[in-house]
Amino acid sequence: MGELKVVLREELLKAFKEKAYRLFGFKKGSIKEAAEIAIRDFVEKIESAEAEEIDISRLRGLLSDLKVSSVELQHKALELWIGHDPDRL
């Protein structure tokens, strides 16, 4: 098990502790449990964003041969997605 020391702004620390105690109760380990959830959520969001960026890069590569502007492509995608002409919205 590792250890991490973090210095936070007073108002953020107060809000975090209030939420942790409200969720887990005023008992030993409440802050630790809330911090683990917060850090796990942060790591998952970053990993998801990194995976999405890889997908966007691949998509850009697939679309690089198209001879339309990004705006035209957005309009066509919207038209295909919702089944309507975007100019009629």
PDB file of N, CA and C in Angstrom:
ATOM      1  N   MET A   1       0.845  -1.164   0.000  1.00  0.00           N
ATOM      2  CA  MET A   1       0.000   0.000   0.000  1.00  0.00           C
ATOM      3  C   MET A   1       0.890   1.226   0.000  1.00  0.00           C
ATOM      4  N   GLY A   2       0.501   2.235  -0.807  1.00  0.00           N
ATOM      5  CA  GLY A   2       1.289   3.457  -0.915  1.00  0.00           C
ATOM      6  C   GLY A   2       0.715   4.579  -0.076  1.00  0.00           C
ATOM      7  N   GLU A   3       1.498   5.639   0.014  1.00  0.00           N
ATOM      8  CA  GLU A   3       1.076   6.800   0.784  1.00  0.00           C
ATOM      9  C   GLU A   3       1.218   8.031  -0.088  1.00  0.00           C
ATOM     10  N   LEU A   4       0.247   8.940   0.025  1.00  0.00           N
ATOM     11  CA  LEU A   4       0.240  10.163  -0.757  1.00  0.00           C
ATOM     12  C   LEU A   4      -0.156  11.317   0.152  1.00  0.00           C
ATOM     13  N   LYS A   5       0.702  12.328   0.216  1.00  0.00           N
ATOM     14  CA  LYS A   5       0.367  13.508   1.012  1.00  0.00           C
ATOM     15  C   LYS A   5      -0.008  14.619   0.050  1.00  0.00           C
ATOM     16  N   VAL A   6      -1.169  15.229   0.285  1.00  0.00           N
ATOM     17  CA  VAL A   6      -1.691  16.262  -0.605  1.00  0.00           C
ATOM     18  C   VAL A   6      -2.068  17.484   0.218  1.00  0.00           C
ATOM     19  N   VAL A   7      -1.687  18.645  -0.271  1.00  0.00           N
ATOM     20  CA  VAL A   7      -2.073  19.896   0.367  1.00  0.00           C
ATOM     21  C   VAL A   7      -3.127  20.544  -0.529  1.00  0.00           C
ATOM     22  N   LEU A   8      -4.319  20.811   0.039  1.00  0.00           N
ATOM     23  CA  LEU A   8      -5.434  21.365  -0.719  1.00  0.00           C
ATOM     24  C   LEU A   8      -5.830  22.731  -0.184  1.00  0.00           C
ATOM     25  N   ARG A   9      -6.519  23.488  -1.030  1.00  0.00           N
ATOM     26  CA  ARG A   9      -7.101  24.735  -0.548  1.00  0.00           C
ATOM     27  C   ARG A   9      -8.095  24.399   0.554  1.00  0.00           C
ATOM     28  N   GLU A  10      -8.197  25.271   1.533  1.00  0.00           N
ATOM     29  CA  GLU A  10      -9.013  25.012   2.717  1.00  0.00           C
ATOM     30  C   GLU A  10     -10.473  24.709   2.372  1.00  0.00           C
ATOM     31  N   GLU A  11     -11.061  25.490   1.459  1.00  0.00           N
ATOM     32  CA  GLU A  11     -12.473  25.279   1.127  1.00  0.00           C
ATOM     33  C   GLU A  11     -12.706  23.941   0.409  1.00  0.00           C
ATOM     34  N   LEU A  12     -11.749  23.517  -0.425  1.00  0.00           N
ATOM     35  CA  LEU A  12     -11.877  22.222  -1.103  1.00  0.00           C
ATOM     36  C   LEU A  12     -11.745  21.083  -0.103  1.00  0.00           C
ATOM     37  N   LEU A  13     -10.787  21.199   0.819  1.00  0.00           N
ATOM     38  CA  LEU A  13     -10.606  20.179   1.844  1.00  0.00           C
ATOM     39  C   LEU A  13     -11.850  20.056   2.717  1.00  0.00           C
ATOM     40  N   LYS A  14     -12.418  21.176   3.109  1.00  0.00           N
ATOM     41  CA  LYS A  14     -13.618  21.179   3.943  1.00  0.00           C
ATOM     42  C   LYS A  14     -14.784  20.509   3.215  1.00  0.00           C
ATOM     43  N   ALA A  15     -14.981  20.861   1.951  1.00  0.00           N
ATOM     44  CA  ALA A  15     -16.075  20.278   1.172  1.00  0.00           C
ATOM     45  C   ALA A  15     -15.866  18.775   0.996  1.00  0.00           C
ATOM     46  N   PHE A  16     -14.623  18.359   0.738  1.00  0.00           N
ATOM     47  CA  PHE A  16     -14.326  16.939   0.554  1.00  0.00           C
ATOM     48  C   PHE A  16     -14.627  16.155   1.832  1.00  0.00           C
ATOM     49  N   LYS A  17     -14.172  16.677   2.947  1.00  0.00           N
ATOM     50  CA  LYS A  17     -14.411  15.990   4.222  1.00  0.00           C
ATOM     51  C   LYS A  17     -15.899  15.908   4.542  1.00  0.00           C
ATOM     52  N   GLU A  18     -16.628  17.004   4.317  1.00  0.00           N
ATOM     53  CA  GLU A  18     -18.066  16.995   4.575  1.00  0.00           C
ATOM     54  C   GLU A  18     -18.766  15.914   3.756  1.00  0.00           C
ATOM     55  N   LYS A  19     -18.416  15.832   2.474  1.00  0.00           N
ATOM     56  CA  LYS A  19     -19.039  14.825   1.602  1.00  0.00           C
ATOM     57  C   LYS A  19     -18.633  13.414   2.024  1.00  0.00           C
ATOM     58  N   ALA A  20     -17.370  13.237   2.373  1.00  0.00           N
ATOM     59  CA  ALA A  20     -16.892  11.915   2.785  1.00  0.00           C
ATOM     60  C   ALA A  20     -17.591  11.451   4.055  1.00  0.00           C
ATOM     61  N   TYR A  21     -17.703  12.332   5.039  1.00  0.00           N
ATOM     62  CA  TYR A  21     -18.361  11.964   6.298  1.00  0.00           C
ATOM     63  C   TYR A  21     -19.850  11.726   6.100  1.00  0.00           C
ATOM     64  N   ARG A  22     -20.457  12.520   5.226  1.00  0.00           N
ATOM     65  CA  ARG A  22     -21.883  12.330   4.965  1.00  0.00           C
ATOM     66  C   ARG A  22     -22.130  10.969   4.295  1.00  0.00           C
ATOM     67  N   LEU A  23     -21.239  10.589   3.401  1.00  0.00           N
ATOM     68  CA  LEU A  23     -21.414   9.335   2.671  1.00  0.00           C
ATOM     69  C   LEU A  23     -21.007   8.114   3.484  1.00  0.00           C
ATOM     70  N   PHE A  24     -19.864   8.186   4.168  1.00  0.00           N
ATOM     71  CA  PHE A  24     -19.321   7.021   4.864  1.00  0.00           C
ATOM     72  C   PHE A  24     -19.462   7.078   6.381  1.00  0.00           C
ATOM     73  N   GLY A  25     -19.924   8.194   6.905  1.00  0.00           N
ATOM     74  CA  GLY A  25     -20.082   8.323   8.349  1.00  0.00           C
ATOM     75  C   GLY A  25     -18.827   8.854   9.008  1.00  0.00           C
ATOM     76  N   PHE A  26     -18.979   9.279  10.253  1.00  0.00           N
ATOM     77  CA  PHE A  26     -17.857   9.822  11.036  1.00  0.00           C
ATOM     78  C   PHE A  26     -17.112   8.671  11.694  1.00  0.00           C
ATOM     79  N   LYS A  27     -16.353   7.957  10.893  1.00  0.00           N
ATOM     80  CA  LYS A  27     -15.607   6.813  11.412  1.00  0.00           C
ATOM     81  C   LYS A  27     -14.222   6.786  10.786  1.00  0.00           C
ATOM     82  N   LYS A  28     -13.364   6.023  11.378  1.00  0.00           N
ATOM     83  CA  LYS A  28     -12.002   5.873  10.877  1.00  0.00           C
ATOM     84  C   LYS A  28     -12.050   5.264   9.473  1.00  0.00           C
ATOM     85  N   GLY A  29     -11.324   5.855   8.554  1.00  0.00           N
ATOM     86  CA  GLY A  29     -11.242   5.327   7.198  1.00  0.00           C
ATOM     87  C   GLY A  29     -12.162   6.000   6.198  1.00  0.00           C
ATOM     88  N   SER A  30     -13.044   6.881   6.666  1.00  0.00           N
ATOM     89  CA  SER A  30     -13.978   7.542   5.755  1.00  0.00           C
ATOM     90  C   SER A  30     -13.259   8.414   4.723  1.00  0.00           C
ATOM     91  N   ILE A  31     -12.297   9.195   5.183  1.00  0.00           N
ATOM     92  CA  ILE A  31     -11.553  10.075   4.276  1.00  0.00           C
ATOM     93  C   ILE A  31     -10.753   9.239   3.285  1.00  0.00           C
ATOM     94  N   LYS A  32     -10.120   8.175   3.768  1.00  0.00           N
ATOM     95  CA  LYS A  32      -9.329   7.297   2.910  1.00  0.00           C
ATOM     96  C   LYS A  32     -10.203   6.669   1.830  1.00  0.00           C
ATOM     97  N   GLU A  33     -11.366   6.191   2.217  1.00  0.00           N
ATOM     98  CA  GLU A  33     -12.267   5.551   1.258  1.00  0.00           C
ATOM     99  C   GLU A  33     -12.731   6.545   0.197  1.00  0.00           C
ATOM    100  N   ALA A  34     -13.083   7.754   0.618  1.00  0.00           N
ATOM    101  CA  ALA A  34     -13.515   8.788  -0.325  1.00  0.00           C
ATOM    102  C   ALA A  34     -12.368   9.199  -1.252  1.00  0.00           C
ATOM    103  N   ALA A  35     -11.161   9.297  -0.716  1.00  0.00           N
ATOM    104  CA  ALA A  35      -9.996   9.666  -1.531  1.00  0.00           C
ATOM    105  C   ALA A  35      -9.702   8.590  -2.572  1.00  0.00           C
ATOM    106  N   GLU A  36      -9.817   7.328  -2.196  1.00  0.00           N
ATOM    107  CA  GLU A  36      -9.589   6.236  -3.149  1.00  0.00           C
ATOM    108  C   GLU A  36     -10.603   6.296  -4.291  1.00  0.00           C
ATOM    109  N   ILE A  37     -11.852   6.578  -3.962  1.00  0.00           N
ATOM    110  CA  ILE A  37     -12.878   6.698  -4.997  1.00  0.00           C
ATOM    111  C   ILE A  37     -12.557   7.869  -5.918  1.00  0.00           C
ATOM    112  N   ALA A  38     -12.186   9.001  -5.338  1.00  0.00           N
ATOM    113  CA  ALA A  38     -11.876  10.196  -6.131  1.00  0.00           C
ATOM    114  C   ALA A  38     -10.685   9.954  -7.053  1.00  0.00           C
ATOM    115  N   ILE A  39      -9.647   9.335  -6.540  1.00  0.00           N
ATOM    116  CA  ILE A  39      -8.451   9.077  -7.345  1.00  0.00           C
ATOM    117  C   ILE A  39      -8.745   8.040  -8.426  1.00  0.00           C
ATOM    118  N   ARG A  40      -9.476   6.996  -8.082  1.00  0.00           N
ATOM    119  CA  ARG A  40      -9.850   5.970  -9.066  1.00  0.00           C
ATOM    120  C   ARG A  40     -10.678   6.594 -10.193  1.00  0.00           C
ATOM    121  N   ASP A  41     -11.627   7.464  -9.826  1.00  0.00           N
ATOM    122  CA  ASP A  41     -12.463   8.136 -10.818  1.00  0.00           C
ATOM    123  C   ASP A  41     -11.608   9.015 -11.729  1.00  0.00           C
ATOM    124  N   PHE A  42     -10.654   9.738 -11.156  1.00  0.00           N
ATOM    125  CA  PHE A  42      -9.748  10.584 -11.932  1.00  0.00           C
ATOM    126  C   PHE A  42      -8.947   9.746 -12.935  1.00  0.00           C
ATOM    127  N   VAL A  43      -8.372   8.650 -12.466  1.00  0.00           N
ATOM    128  CA  VAL A  43      -7.559   7.787 -13.333  1.00  0.00           C
ATOM    129  C   VAL A  43      -8.415   7.225 -14.473  1.00  0.00           C
ATOM    130  N   GLU A  44      -9.630   6.766 -14.165  1.00  0.00           N
ATOM    131  CA  GLU A  44     -10.516   6.218 -15.190  1.00  0.00           C
ATOM    132  C   GLU A  44     -10.895   7.272 -16.223  1.00  0.00           C
ATOM    133  N   LYS A  45     -11.155   8.499 -15.783  1.00  0.00           N
ATOM    134  CA  LYS A  45     -11.500   9.571 -16.717  1.00  0.00           C
ATOM    135  C   LYS A  45     -10.331   9.901 -17.637  1.00  0.00           C
ATOM    136  N   ILE A  46      -9.133   9.948 -17.095  1.00  0.00           N
ATOM    137  CA  ILE A  46      -7.959  10.232 -17.912  1.00  0.00           C
ATOM    138  C   ILE A  46      -7.728   9.106 -18.913  1.00  0.00           C
ATOM    139  N   GLU A  47      -7.842   7.860 -18.469  1.00  0.00           N
ATOM    140  CA  GLU A  47      -7.667   6.725 -19.382  1.00  0.00           C
ATOM    141  C   GLU A  47      -8.714   6.752 -20.488  1.00  0.00           C
ATOM    142  N   SER A  48      -9.931   7.092 -20.154  1.00  0.00           N
ATOM    143  CA  SER A  48     -11.003   7.193 -21.144  1.00  0.00           C
ATOM    144  C   SER A  48     -10.711   8.298 -22.147  1.00  0.00           C
ATOM    145  N   ALA A  49     -10.245   9.447 -21.653  1.00  0.00           N
ATOM    146  CA  ALA A  49      -9.915  10.560 -22.543  1.00  0.00           C
ATOM    147  C   ALA A  49      -8.753  10.191 -23.463  1.00  0.00           C
ATOM    148  N   GLU A  50      -7.764   9.485 -22.939  1.00  0.00           N
ATOM    149  CA  GLU A  50      -6.631   9.056 -23.762  1.00  0.00           C
ATOM    150  C   GLU A  50      -7.093   8.080 -24.835  1.00  0.00           C
ATOM    151  N   ALA A  51      -7.964   7.152 -24.476  1.00  0.00           N
ATOM    152  CA  ALA A  51      -8.488   6.193 -25.454  1.00  0.00           C
ATOM    153  C   ALA A  51      -9.302   6.910 -26.517  1.00  0.00           C
ATOM    154  N   GLU A  52     -10.071   7.909 -26.104  1.00  0.00           N
ATOM    155  CA  GLU A  52     -10.879   8.676 -27.050  1.00  0.00           C
ATOM    156  C   GLU A  52      -9.984   9.438 -28.013  1.00  0.00           C
ATOM    157  N   GLU A  53      -8.893   9.994 -27.518  1.00  0.00           N
ATOM    158  CA  GLU A  53      -7.967  10.728 -28.382  1.00  0.00           C
ATOM    159  C   GLU A  53      -7.368   9.799 -29.427  1.00  0.00           C
ATOM    160  N   ILE A  54      -7.059   8.567 -29.048  1.00  0.00           N
ATOM    161  CA  ILE A  54      -6.543   7.592 -30.009  1.00  0.00           C
ATOM    162  C   ILE A  54      -7.604   7.318 -31.069  1.00  0.00           C
ATOM    163  N   ASP A  55      -8.845   7.151 -30.658  1.00  0.00           N
ATOM    164  CA  ASP A  55      -9.928   6.906 -31.600  1.00  0.00           C
ATOM    165  C   ASP A  55     -10.115   8.095 -32.542  1.00  0.00           C
ATOM    166  N   ILE A  56      -9.999   9.319 -32.021  1.00  0.00           N
ATOM    167  CA  ILE A  56     -10.141  10.515 -32.854  1.00  0.00           C
ATOM    168  C   ILE A  56      -9.016  10.575 -33.876  1.00  0.00           C
ATOM    169  N   SER A  57      -7.807  10.232 -33.465  1.00  0.00           N
ATOM    170  CA  SER A  57      -6.680  10.237 -34.397  1.00  0.00           C
ATOM    171  C   SER A  57      -6.908   9.240 -35.526  1.00  0.00           C
ATOM    172  N   ARG A  58      -7.398   8.066 -35.177  1.00  0.00           N
ATOM    173  CA  ARG A  58      -7.692   7.058 -36.209  1.00  0.00           C
ATOM    174  C   ARG A  58      -8.778   7.554 -37.153  1.00  0.00           C
ATOM    175  N   LEU A  59      -9.810   8.191 -36.590  1.00  0.00           N
ATOM    176  CA  LEU A  59     -10.896   8.706 -37.404  1.00  0.00           C
ATOM    177  C   LEU A  59     -10.398   9.799 -38.338  1.00  0.00           C
ATOM    178  N   ARG A  60      -9.537  10.671 -37.837  1.00  0.00           N
ATOM    179  CA  ARG A  60      -8.974  11.720 -38.699  1.00  0.00           C
ATOM    180  C   ARG A  60      -8.215  11.097 -39.867  1.00  0.00           C
ATOM    181  N   GLY A  61      -7.488  10.033 -39.590  1.00  0.00           N
ATOM    182  CA  GLY A  61      -6.765   9.350 -40.653  1.00  0.00           C
ATOM    183  C   GLY A  61      -7.702   8.762 -41.694  1.00  0.00           C
ATOM    184  N   LEU A  62      -8.801   8.194 -41.242  1.00  0.00           N
ATOM    185  CA  LEU A  62      -9.773   7.616 -42.166  1.00  0.00           C
ATOM    186  C   LEU A  62     -10.458   8.676 -43.013  1.00  0.00           C
ATOM    187  N   LEU A  63     -10.634   9.869 -42.457  1.00  0.00           N
ATOM    188  CA  LEU A  63     -11.358  10.934 -43.147  1.00  0.00           C
ATOM    189  C   LEU A  63     -10.446  11.863 -43.947  1.00  0.00           C
ATOM    190  N   SER A  64      -9.149  11.644 -43.896  1.00  0.00           N
ATOM    191  CA  SER A  64      -8.208  12.580 -44.508  1.00  0.00           C
ATOM    192  C   SER A  64      -8.343  12.668 -46.026  1.00  0.00           C
ATOM    193  N   ASP A  65      -8.862  11.644 -46.676  1.00  0.00           N
ATOM    194  CA  ASP A  65      -9.005  11.653 -48.133  1.00  0.00           C
ATOM    195  C   ASP A  65     -10.259  12.365 -48.617  1.00  0.00           C
ATOM    196  N   LEU A  66     -11.168  12.688 -47.707  1.00  0.00           N
ATOM    197  CA  LEU A  66     -12.402  13.355 -48.110  1.00  0.00           C
ATOM    198  C   LEU A  66     -12.120  14.780 -48.575  1.00  0.00           C
ATOM    199  N   LYS A  67     -12.847  15.209 -49.572  1.00  0.00           N
ATOM    200  CA  LYS A  67     -12.649  16.551 -50.124  1.00  0.00           C
ATOM    201  C   LYS A  67     -13.775  17.491 -49.690  1.00  0.00           C
ATOM    202  N   VAL A  68     -14.122  17.465 -48.401  1.00  0.00           N
ATOM    203  CA  VAL A  68     -15.149  18.347 -47.857  1.00  0.00           C
ATOM    204  C   VAL A  68     -14.590  19.021 -46.616  1.00  0.00           C
ATOM    205  N   SER A  69     -15.178  20.152 -46.285  1.00  0.00           N
ATOM    206  CA  SER A  69     -14.724  20.863 -45.087  1.00  0.00           C
ATOM    207  C   SER A  69     -15.280  20.173 -43.840  1.00  0.00           C
ATOM    208  N   SER A  70     -14.727  20.521 -42.705  1.00  0.00           N
ATOM    209  CA  SER A  70     -15.198  19.921 -41.452  1.00  0.00           C
ATOM    210  C   SER A  70     -16.644  20.314 -41.171  1.00  0.00           C
ATOM    211  N   VAL A  71     -17.027  21.544 -41.569  1.00  0.00           N
ATOM    212  CA  VAL A  71     -18.403  21.998 -41.352  1.00  0.00           C
ATOM    213  C   VAL A  71     -19.361  21.184 -42.225  1.00  0.00           C
ATOM    214  N   GLU A  72     -18.985  20.976 -43.480  1.00  0.00           N
ATOM    215  CA  GLU A  72     -19.822  20.161 -44.368  1.00  0.00           C
ATOM    216  C   GLU A  72     -19.947  18.739 -43.839  1.00  0.00           C
ATOM    217  N   LEU A  73     -18.870  18.216 -43.312  1.00  0.00           N
ATOM    218  CA  LEU A  73     -18.887  16.869 -42.752  1.00  0.00           C
ATOM    219  C   LEU A  73     -19.784  16.803 -41.520  1.00  0.00           C
ATOM    220  N   GLN A  74     -19.745  17.823 -40.676  1.00  0.00           N
ATOM    221  CA  GLN A  74     -20.619  17.867 -39.506  1.00  0.00           C
ATOM    222  C   GLN A  74     -22.082  17.897 -39.916  1.00  0.00           C
ATOM    223  N   HIS A  75     -22.405  18.691 -40.923  1.00  0.00           N
ATOM    224  CA  HIS A  75     -23.787  18.772 -41.382  1.00  0.00           C
ATOM    225  C   HIS A  75     -24.260  17.439 -41.951  1.00  0.00           C
ATOM    226  N   LYS A  76     -23.411  16.793 -42.698  1.00  0.00           N
ATOM    227  CA  LYS A  76     -23.773  15.492 -43.277  1.00  0.00           C
ATOM    228  C   LYS A  76     -23.941  14.454 -42.166  1.00  0.00           C
ATOM    229  N   ALA A  77     -23.063  14.464 -41.180  1.00  0.00           N
ATOM    230  CA  ALA A  77     -23.176  13.524 -40.065  1.00  0.00           C
ATOM    231  C   ALA A  77     -24.465  13.748 -39.298  1.00  0.00           C
ATOM    232  N   LEU A  78     -24.803  15.011 -39.054  1.00  0.00           N
ATOM    233  CA  LEU A  78     -26.050  15.340 -38.362  1.00  0.00           C
ATOM    234  C   LEU A  78     -27.250  14.864 -39.175  1.00  0.00           C
ATOM    235  N   GLU A  79     -27.201  15.090 -40.462  1.00  0.00           N
ATOM    236  CA  GLU A  79     -28.286  14.655 -41.345  1.00  0.00           C
ATOM    237  C   GLU A  79     -28.451  13.133 -41.289  1.00  0.00           C
ATOM    238  N   LEU A  80     -27.365  12.417 -41.340  1.00  0.00           N
ATOM    239  CA  LEU A  80     -27.430  10.950 -41.275  1.00  0.00           C
ATOM    240  C   LEU A  80     -27.885  10.465 -39.904  1.00  0.00           C
ATOM    241  N   TRP A  81     -27.425  11.160 -38.863  1.00  0.00           N
ATOM    242  CA  TRP A  81     -27.714  10.713 -37.497  1.00  0.00           C
ATOM    243  C   TRP A  81     -29.179  10.903 -37.133  1.00  0.00           C
ATOM    244  N   ILE A  82     -29.708  12.082 -37.413  1.00  0.00           N
ATOM    245  CA  ILE A  82     -31.084  12.337 -37.025  1.00  0.00           C
ATOM    246  C   ILE A  82     -32.078  12.148 -38.156  1.00  0.00           C
ATOM    247  N   GLY A  83     -31.594  11.913 -39.364  1.00  0.00           N
ATOM    248  CA  GLY A  83     -32.471  11.656 -40.494  1.00  0.00           C
ATOM    249  C   GLY A  83     -33.148  12.894 -41.025  1.00  0.00           C
ATOM    250  N   HIS A  84     -32.570  14.059 -40.778  1.00  0.00           N
ATOM    251  CA  HIS A  84     -33.145  15.313 -41.232  1.00  0.00           C
ATOM    252  C   HIS A  84     -32.086  16.165 -41.908  1.00  0.00           C
ATOM    253  N   ASP A  85     -32.539  17.072 -42.733  1.00  0.00           N
ATOM    254  CA  ASP A  85     -31.665  18.073 -43.315  1.00  0.00           C
ATOM    255  C   ASP A  85     -31.380  19.121 -42.232  1.00  0.00           C
ATOM    256  N   PRO A  86     -30.116  19.361 -41.838  1.00  0.00           N
ATOM    257  CA  PRO A  86     -29.808  20.297 -40.757  1.00  0.00           C
ATOM    258  C   PRO A  86     -30.283  21.717 -41.025  1.00  0.00           C
ATOM    259  N   ASP A  87     -30.464  22.081 -42.303  1.00  0.00           N
ATOM    260  CA  ASP A  87     -30.929  23.436 -42.631  1.00  0.00           C
ATOM    261  C   ASP A  87     -32.397  23.623 -42.288  1.00  0.00           C
ATOM    262  N   ARG A  88     -33.124  22.535 -42.088  1.00  0.00           N
ATOM    263  CA  ARG A  88     -34.540  22.622 -41.759  1.00  0.00           C
ATOM    264  C   ARG A  88     -34.815  22.611 -40.264  1.00  0.00           C
ATOM    265  N   LEU A  89     -33.778  22.525 -39.426  1.00  0.00           N
ATOM    266  CA  LEU A  89     -33.980  22.504 -37.973  1.00  0.00           C
ATOM    267  C   LEU A  89     -34.328  23.847 -37.427  1.00  0.00           C
TER     268      LEU A  89
END
